[in-house]
Amino acid sequence: MAGPLTGLKIVDLTTVLMGPFATQVLADMGADVIKVEPPEGDAVRHLGPMRNPGMSAGFLHVNRNKRSVVLDLKQDAGRAQLLALVGTADVFVTNIRPAAVARLRLDHEALARANPAIISVSLVGYGQDGPYAAKAAYDDMIQAACAIPSLIAQVSDGVPRYVPLAIVDRIVGQAAATAILAAVVHRMKTGEGQCVEVPMFETMVPYVMSEHMSGLTYVPPHGEPGYRRLLAPSRQAYATRDGFVCTMLYTNRHWADFFALAGQPGRCDADERMRTIAARTRHIDALYAEVAQVLKTNTTAYWIDALSKADIPVMRLHTLESIMTDPHLRAVGFFRQTEHPSEGTVLDMAPMGRWSRSQPDTPRPAPRLGEHTQEVLASLRPEADAAPPQ
């Protein structure tokens, strides 16, 4: 069954995580993503556990369903081959810094001369009209710029820490995939290609400030910044008698049913702090602290069963090891054993969503370096053999 993006051709000049994640989202949906790599390969090929050189676990998880082509873009012949490839494509994506792209003479104007309808997408750290335009941008730096470590410090021990995953790269990568599809729809309606810039900083700020701008939303300010429920130090995985449990008390019914389970029926009616969601939010840290004390009185299994029967949101706290055997993920076939032609048996993760007619699939494993160079360039001739453009 063909994916929904079958027929869309993307030239992917991205590296590490943010860009490759964006293009893998589209590749899973059927787009023909041609990953252009330098002779040494994408840097992430060499980071982390691997069975064979250049095929790290991290690379395998963000580059499936792509074809790998090796081109030396510092040479005129490599640049000519790339432009020939762009001439046959719908979208060109890069997360190379704009100054480096300009030195390679691969800016949007150069691409548009090869293909006037091309959509060129530049994933950058910061919008190129601002004073941070030339700054290096990594996930940790953007987390810092967006105040994420400050929020963690506020609710923990005062030490600003990064979220322990590349959350920015993946959020912005997903946003880039959305932007690419929007530009494709625009071209379908108008026939026009265009240049699209997706900045990490400006993409991430709304993820933080939509909740935490709070009183600063109004001019003049009408209160302090920060959403109290999210910033309550007691908002955490709760200790039980033998482990941890995660629950979320939000509606009036959740709170009333929880305190009924705790042997305090009518508590919500008697306590003014609990009568409305606004009142609970004002006192949320103290209320969550009470919840924590109640949950310590019994086992994790007891609370998961009791809270589930009361239809109160509850979840077991997973670890990196236990999530691999989660019964729900097993039932939906999320983690799947696949056979990679060079890496042997590996665990893969299912593409997102369930589709009634054009289900995304993963028929092509992450490519070996340059695995498809000959195949792709042969399809371009005589364009690929043309004299280097000026």
Protein backbone atom coordinates (compact mmCIF):
# COMPACT_ATOMS: atom_id res chain seq x y z
CA MET A 1 0.00 0.00 0.00
CA ALA A 2 1.47 3.34 -1.06
CA GLY A 3 2.00 5.95 1.64
CA PRO A 4 0.16 9.27 1.44
CA LEU A 5 3.26 11.14 0.22
CA THR A 6 4.23 8.70 -2.51
CA GLY A 7 5.50 10.74 -5.46
CA LEU A 8 7.00 13.54 -3.35
CA LYS A 9 10.77 13.78 -3.83
CA ILE A 10 12.94 15.41 -1.16
CA VAL A 11 16.65 16.19 -1.32
CA ASP A 12 17.83 15.97 2.28
CA LEU A 13 21.03 17.83 3.12
CA THR A 14 20.60 17.55 6.89
CA THR A 15 22.66 16.02 9.64
CA VAL A 16 22.56 14.78 13.24
CA LEU A 17 18.95 14.80 14.55
CA MET A 18 16.56 17.71 13.90
CA GLY A 19 16.69 17.62 10.11
CA PRO A 20 16.93 13.83 9.75
CA PHE A 21 13.96 13.41 12.12
CA ALA A 22 11.90 15.86 10.02
CA THR A 23 12.66 14.04 6.78
CA GLN A 24 12.10 10.61 8.31
CA VAL A 25 8.56 11.68 9.27
CA LEU A 26 7.97 12.41 5.58
CA ALA A 27 9.83 9.31 4.39
CA ASP A 28 7.65 7.11 6.60
CA MET A 29 4.64 8.58 4.80
CA GLY A 30 6.00 7.56 1.43
CA ALA A 31 8.16 10.48 0.28
CA ASP A 32 11.31 9.58 -1.65
CA VAL A 33 13.96 11.12 0.62
CA ILE A 34 17.45 11.23 -0.84
CA LYS A 35 19.94 11.81 1.95
CA VAL A 36 22.99 13.64 0.62
CA GLU A 37 26.06 12.98 2.75
CA PRO A 38 29.70 14.09 2.63
CA PRO A 39 32.34 11.41 2.03
CA GLU A 40 32.74 10.92 5.81
CA GLY A 41 29.00 10.57 6.30
CA ASP A 42 26.53 12.15 8.69
CA ALA A 43 28.27 12.72 12.04
CA VAL A 44 25.62 10.78 13.94
CA ARG A 45 26.59 7.62 12.05
CA HIS A 46 29.59 7.46 14.37
CA LEU A 47 27.92 8.25 17.74
CA GLY A 48 26.73 5.59 20.17
CA PRO A 49 26.46 1.81 20.10
CA MET A 50 27.00 0.15 16.74
CA ARG A 51 27.68 -3.28 15.32
CA ASN A 52 29.46 -1.93 12.26
CA PRO A 53 31.28 1.36 11.66
CA GLY A 54 29.04 4.16 10.46
CA MET A 55 25.79 2.47 11.47
CA SER A 56 25.09 3.67 15.02
CA ALA A 57 21.82 2.99 16.79
CA GLY A 58 21.03 6.71 16.75
CA PHE A 59 21.47 6.85 12.99
CA LEU A 60 19.21 3.85 12.45
CA HIS A 61 16.31 5.50 14.30
CA VAL A 62 16.16 8.75 12.27
CA ASN A 63 17.16 7.68 8.76
CA ARG A 64 14.97 4.76 7.74
CA ASN A 65 13.13 4.88 4.42
CA LYS A 66 15.84 7.07 2.86
CA ARG A 67 18.37 6.61 0.09
CA SER A 68 21.97 7.66 0.80
CA VAL A 69 24.01 9.49 -1.83
CA VAL A 70 27.58 10.63 -1.19
CA LEU A 71 28.57 13.92 -2.84
CA ASP A 72 31.55 16.14 -2.14
CA LEU A 73 29.86 19.52 -2.34
CA LYS A 74 33.18 21.35 -2.00
CA GLN A 75 33.99 20.15 -5.49
CA ASP A 76 32.32 21.59 -8.60
CA ALA A 77 31.35 18.13 -9.81
CA GLY A 78 29.57 17.34 -6.54
CA ARG A 79 27.74 20.67 -6.60
CA ALA A 80 26.66 20.08 -10.20
CA GLN A 81 25.31 16.66 -9.29
CA LEU A 82 23.36 18.11 -6.38
CA LEU A 83 21.82 20.80 -8.58
CA ALA A 84 20.87 18.15 -11.12
CA LEU A 85 19.19 16.26 -8.32
CA VAL A 86 17.37 19.41 -7.17
CA GLY A 87 16.15 19.82 -10.74
CA THR A 88 14.14 16.60 -10.34
CA ALA A 89 12.92 17.22 -6.78
CA ASP A 90 10.03 18.92 -5.03
CA VAL A 91 11.75 19.93 -1.80
CA PHE A 92 15.29 20.68 -0.66
CA VAL A 93 15.93 20.62 3.11
CA THR A 94 19.06 21.61 4.99
CA ASN A 95 20.12 22.40 8.55
CA ILE A 96 23.57 23.61 7.54
CA ARG A 97 24.19 27.17 8.70
CA PRO A 98 23.15 29.71 6.04
CA ALA A 99 26.69 31.14 5.82
CA ALA A 100 28.04 27.70 4.95
CA VAL A 101 25.24 27.15 2.43
CA ALA A 102 26.17 30.48 0.81
CA ARG A 103 29.82 29.44 0.58
CA LEU A 104 28.70 26.28 -1.23
CA ARG A 105 26.62 28.48 -3.59
CA LEU A 106 23.51 26.49 -2.70
CA ASP A 107 21.21 29.24 -1.47
CA HIS A 108 17.59 29.42 -2.62
CA GLU A 109 18.44 31.58 -5.64
CA ALA A 110 20.93 28.99 -6.91
CA LEU A 111 18.46 26.16 -6.32
CA ALA A 112 15.66 28.07 -8.06
CA ARG A 113 17.80 28.47 -11.16
CA ALA A 114 18.01 24.68 -11.30
CA ASN A 115 14.31 24.26 -10.48
CA PRO A 116 12.03 27.34 -10.33
CA ALA A 117 9.35 25.33 -8.49
CA ILE A 118 11.68 24.05 -5.76
CA ILE A 119 10.67 24.46 -2.12
CA SER A 120 13.86 25.07 -0.15
CA VAL A 121 13.63 24.70 3.61
CA SER A 122 16.29 26.01 5.95
CA LEU A 123 16.32 24.76 9.54
CA VAL A 124 18.23 27.32 11.59
CA GLY A 125 18.89 28.03 15.23
CA TYR A 126 17.56 31.57 15.21
CA GLY A 127 15.64 33.70 12.70
CA GLN A 128 18.12 35.26 10.32
CA ASP A 129 16.79 38.79 10.82
CA GLY A 130 17.82 38.92 14.49
CA PRO A 131 21.09 39.49 16.36
CA TYR A 132 21.43 35.76 17.18
CA ALA A 133 21.41 34.81 13.49
CA ALA A 134 25.01 33.56 13.37
CA LYS A 135 25.04 31.87 16.78
CA ALA A 136 25.62 28.13 17.00
CA ALA A 137 22.45 26.32 18.04
CA TYR A 138 22.22 22.94 19.70
CA ASP A 139 19.33 21.41 21.60
CA ASP A 140 20.82 22.38 24.97
CA MET A 141 21.38 25.97 23.89
CA ILE A 142 17.81 26.39 22.70
CA GLN A 143 16.46 24.82 25.89
CA ALA A 144 18.46 27.44 27.78
CA ALA A 145 17.23 30.27 25.57
CA CYS A 146 13.63 29.16 26.14
CA ALA A 147 14.01 29.08 29.96
CA ILE A 148 13.36 25.33 30.22
CA PRO A 149 16.25 24.68 32.68
CA SER A 150 15.04 27.62 34.78
CA LEU A 151 11.60 26.04 35.04
CA ILE A 152 13.13 22.73 36.12
CA ALA A 153 15.18 24.56 38.77
CA GLN A 154 12.06 26.30 40.03
CA VAL A 155 10.25 23.04 40.73
CA SER A 156 13.21 20.97 41.96
CA ASP A 157 16.42 21.66 43.85
CA GLY A 158 17.26 25.02 42.30
CA VAL A 159 19.76 23.63 39.79
CA PRO A 160 18.92 24.52 36.16
CA ARG A 161 18.97 21.24 34.25
CA TYR A 162 18.21 20.32 30.64
CA VAL A 163 15.39 17.93 29.81
CA PRO A 164 17.25 14.60 29.36
CA LEU A 165 16.28 14.08 25.74
CA ALA A 166 16.75 16.05 22.55
CA ILE A 167 13.29 17.54 22.92
CA VAL A 168 13.98 20.68 20.88
CA ASP A 169 15.39 18.80 17.90
CA ARG A 170 12.33 16.58 17.71
CA ILE A 171 9.72 19.29 18.28
CA VAL A 172 11.31 21.58 15.70
CA GLY A 173 11.82 18.64 13.35
CA GLN A 174 8.10 17.87 13.54
CA ALA A 175 7.32 21.57 12.97
CA ALA A 176 9.61 21.52 9.93
CA ALA A 177 7.77 18.51 8.49
CA THR A 178 4.50 20.42 8.91
CA ALA A 179 5.96 23.51 7.24
CA ILE A 180 7.20 21.42 4.31
CA LEU A 181 3.77 19.93 3.74
CA ALA A 182 2.14 23.38 3.95
CA ALA A 183 4.55 24.69 1.32
CA VAL A 184 3.79 21.69 -0.89
CA VAL A 185 0.06 22.41 -0.63
CA HIS A 186 0.72 26.07 -1.49
CA ARG A 187 2.62 25.02 -4.60
CA MET A 188 -0.17 22.63 -5.59
CA LYS A 189 -2.56 25.61 -5.56
CA THR A 190 -0.28 28.23 -7.11
CA GLY A 191 2.59 26.43 -8.87
CA GLU A 192 5.03 28.54 -6.86
CA GLY A 193 8.11 27.30 -5.10
CA GLN A 194 9.50 29.29 -2.19
CA CYS A 195 12.10 29.49 0.55
CA VAL A 196 10.96 28.52 4.07
CA GLU A 197 12.94 29.25 7.23
CA VAL A 198 12.20 27.23 10.39
CA PRO A 199 14.07 28.67 13.40
CA MET A 200 14.52 26.55 16.52
CA PHE A 201 14.31 29.43 19.03
CA GLU A 202 11.16 31.05 17.67
CA THR A 203 9.50 27.65 17.22
CA MET A 204 10.17 26.64 20.83
CA VAL A 205 9.25 29.87 22.64
CA PRO A 206 5.47 29.29 22.20
CA TYR A 207 5.85 25.78 23.65
CA VAL A 208 7.03 27.40 26.87
CA MET A 209 5.27 30.74 26.94
CA SER A 210 1.77 29.70 25.86
CA GLU A 211 1.35 28.32 29.40
CA HIS A 212 3.76 30.45 31.32
CA MET A 213 3.23 33.95 29.90
CA SER A 214 0.10 33.95 32.07
CA GLY A 215 -0.42 37.43 33.59
CA LEU A 216 2.16 38.98 31.26
CA THR A 217 -0.28 38.34 28.42
CA TYR A 218 -2.07 41.58 29.31
CA VAL A 219 -0.84 45.13 28.83
CA PRO A 220 -0.21 46.29 31.47
CA PRO A 221 0.54 42.94 33.19
CA HIS A 222 -2.32 41.34 35.10
CA GLY A 223 -0.38 39.06 37.40
CA GLU A 224 2.90 37.16 37.40
CA PRO A 225 4.23 34.79 34.73
CA GLY A 226 4.00 31.04 35.29
CA TYR A 227 1.19 28.47 35.28
CA ARG A 228 0.93 27.40 38.91
CA ARG A 229 -0.23 23.85 38.34
CA LEU A 230 2.72 23.05 36.12
CA LEU A 231 5.14 24.78 38.49
CA ALA A 232 3.96 23.07 41.67
CA PRO A 233 6.97 21.28 43.23
CA SER A 234 4.56 18.56 44.39
CA ARG A 235 3.54 17.81 40.78
CA GLN A 236 5.59 14.67 40.32
CA ALA A 237 5.49 10.91 40.28
CA TYR A 238 4.09 9.97 43.69
CA ALA A 239 5.74 7.49 46.02
CA THR A 240 3.60 4.53 47.06
CA ARG A 241 4.30 1.92 49.71
CA ASP A 242 6.43 -0.08 47.24
CA GLY A 243 7.22 2.16 44.27
CA PHE A 244 5.71 5.04 42.35
CA VAL A 245 2.46 5.90 40.61
CA CYS A 246 1.49 8.79 38.35
CA THR A 247 -1.99 10.27 38.58
CA MET A 248 -3.65 13.46 37.42
CA LEU A 249 -6.48 15.03 39.42
CA TYR A 250 -8.02 17.78 37.31
CA THR A 251 -11.82 17.88 37.25
CA ASN A 252 -14.18 18.33 40.20
CA ARG A 253 -15.13 14.66 39.92
CA HIS A 254 -11.50 13.50 39.96
CA TRP A 255 -10.86 15.30 43.23
CA ALA A 256 -14.11 14.21 44.86
CA ASP A 257 -13.62 10.56 43.89
CA PHE A 258 -10.00 10.57 45.01
CA PHE A 259 -10.81 11.81 48.48
CA ALA A 260 -13.67 9.35 48.68
CA LEU A 261 -11.11 6.59 48.05
CA ALA A 262 -8.98 8.17 50.76
CA GLY A 263 -11.83 7.89 53.26
CA GLN A 264 -12.75 11.58 53.12
CA PRO A 265 -16.11 11.78 51.28
CA GLY A 266 -17.46 15.29 51.08
CA ARG A 267 -14.00 16.80 51.44
CA CYS A 268 -14.32 18.89 48.29
CA ASP A 269 -17.56 20.48 49.50
CA ALA A 270 -16.07 21.29 52.90
CA ASP A 271 -12.77 22.78 51.69
CA GLU A 272 -13.08 26.14 49.89
CA ARG A 273 -9.71 25.53 48.22
CA MET A 274 -11.21 22.65 46.26
CA ARG A 275 -14.58 23.91 45.09
CA THR A 276 -13.48 25.29 41.72
CA ILE A 277 -10.62 24.71 39.33
CA ALA A 278 -9.48 28.31 39.84
CA ALA A 279 -9.35 27.85 43.63
CA ARG A 280 -7.51 24.53 43.30
CA THR A 281 -4.97 26.12 40.98
CA ARG A 282 -4.22 28.85 43.51
CA HIS A 283 -3.53 26.22 46.18
CA ILE A 284 -2.31 23.44 43.95
CA ASP A 285 1.06 22.79 45.58
CA ALA A 286 -0.49 22.19 49.01
CA LEU A 287 -3.22 20.01 47.50
CA TYR A 288 -0.73 17.92 45.54
CA ALA A 289 1.26 17.48 48.76
CA GLU A 290 -1.86 16.01 50.39
CA VAL A 291 -2.31 13.66 47.45
CA ALA A 292 1.29 12.53 47.93
CA GLN A 293 0.65 11.67 51.57
CA VAL A 294 -2.45 9.63 50.72
CA LEU A 295 -0.71 7.64 47.99
CA LYS A 296 2.06 6.57 50.37
CA THR A 297 -0.47 4.53 52.33
CA ASN A 298 -0.82 1.68 49.83
CA THR A 299 0.94 -0.17 47.03
CA THR A 300 1.38 0.81 43.42
CA ALA A 301 -0.80 -2.09 42.26
CA TYR A 302 -3.57 -1.08 44.66
CA TRP A 303 -3.64 2.51 43.44
CA ILE A 304 -3.51 1.63 39.76
CA ASP A 305 -6.49 -0.66 40.25
CA ALA A 306 -8.48 1.68 42.51
CA LEU A 307 -7.88 4.82 40.49
CA SER A 308 -8.60 3.02 37.21
CA LYS A 309 -11.94 1.76 38.55
CA ALA A 310 -12.79 5.32 39.59
CA ASP A 311 -11.88 6.54 36.08
CA ILE A 312 -9.18 8.81 37.51
CA PRO A 313 -6.20 9.15 35.11
CA VAL A 314 -3.38 6.92 36.34
CA MET A 315 -0.24 5.40 34.84
CA ARG A 316 2.61 3.24 35.99
CA LEU A 317 5.98 5.01 36.01
CA HIS A 318 8.10 3.40 33.31
CA THR A 319 11.87 3.18 33.06
CA LEU A 320 13.85 2.92 29.83
CA GLU A 321 13.92 -0.83 30.40
CA SER A 322 10.30 -1.42 31.41
CA ILE A 323 8.81 0.58 28.53
CA MET A 324 10.26 -2.02 26.17
CA THR A 325 7.84 -4.60 27.58
CA ASP A 326 4.80 -2.36 28.00
CA PRO A 327 1.69 -4.49 27.31
CA HIS A 328 -0.07 -1.79 25.30
CA LEU A 329 2.93 -1.21 23.03
CA ARG A 330 3.21 -4.96 22.60
CA ALA A 331 -0.47 -5.26 21.66
CA VAL A 332 -0.27 -2.55 18.98
CA GLY A 333 3.02 -3.91 17.61
CA PHE A 334 4.98 -0.74 18.32
CA PHE A 335 8.44 -2.23 18.80
CA ARG A 336 9.17 -4.52 15.88
CA GLN A 337 12.05 -6.78 15.03
CA THR A 338 13.33 -6.11 11.53
CA GLU A 339 16.22 -7.53 9.54
CA HIS A 340 18.75 -4.96 8.38
CA PRO A 341 20.89 -6.16 5.46
CA SER A 342 24.15 -5.19 7.19
CA GLU A 343 23.20 -4.80 10.87
CA GLY A 344 21.22 -7.98 11.36
CA THR A 345 18.21 -8.12 13.66
CA VAL A 346 17.30 -4.72 15.10
CA LEU A 347 14.35 -3.25 16.97
CA ASP A 348 12.45 -0.59 15.08
CA MET A 349 9.52 1.63 16.11
CA ALA A 350 6.29 1.96 14.19
CA PRO A 351 5.56 5.13 12.20
CA MET A 352 3.01 7.51 13.63
CA GLY A 353 -0.71 7.09 13.29
CA ARG A 354 -3.12 4.58 11.86
CA TRP A 355 -4.51 5.19 8.38
CA SER A 356 -7.48 3.44 6.76
CA ARG A 357 -6.18 3.72 3.18
CA SER A 358 -2.54 4.83 3.01
CA GLN A 359 -0.82 3.49 6.11
CA PRO A 360 2.76 4.78 6.52
CA ASP A 361 5.27 1.95 6.46
CA THR A 362 8.98 1.29 6.91
CA PRO A 363 10.00 -0.91 3.96
CA ARG A 364 13.50 0.58 3.63
CA PRO A 365 16.03 0.29 6.51
CA ALA A 366 18.44 3.11 7.28
CA PRO A 367 20.98 3.15 4.41
CA ARG A 368 24.66 2.41 4.48
CA LEU A 369 26.82 5.36 3.55
CA GLY A 370 26.51 6.02 -0.18
CA GLU A 371 24.46 2.88 -0.69
CA HIS A 372 22.32 4.49 -3.40
CA THR A 373 24.79 6.92 -5.00
CA GLN A 374 25.15 5.01 -8.24
CA GLU A 375 21.43 4.27 -8.48
CA VAL A 376 20.36 7.88 -7.95
CA LEU A 377 23.00 9.53 -10.14
CA ALA A 378 22.35 7.08 -12.96
CA SER A 379 18.73 8.22 -13.02
CA LEU A 380 19.87 11.84 -13.53
CA ARG A 381 22.15 11.49 -16.52
CA PRO A 382 22.91 13.38 -18.67
CA GLU A 383 22.19 16.14 -16.11
CA ALA A 384 24.61 14.69 -13.57
CA ASP A 385 27.44 14.73 -16.12
CA ALA A 386 26.85 18.33 -17.11
CA ALA A 387 29.58 20.92 -16.75
CA PRO A 388 29.64 22.54 -13.32
CA PRO A 389 27.34 25.59 -13.21
CA GLN A 390 28.94 28.98 -12.64
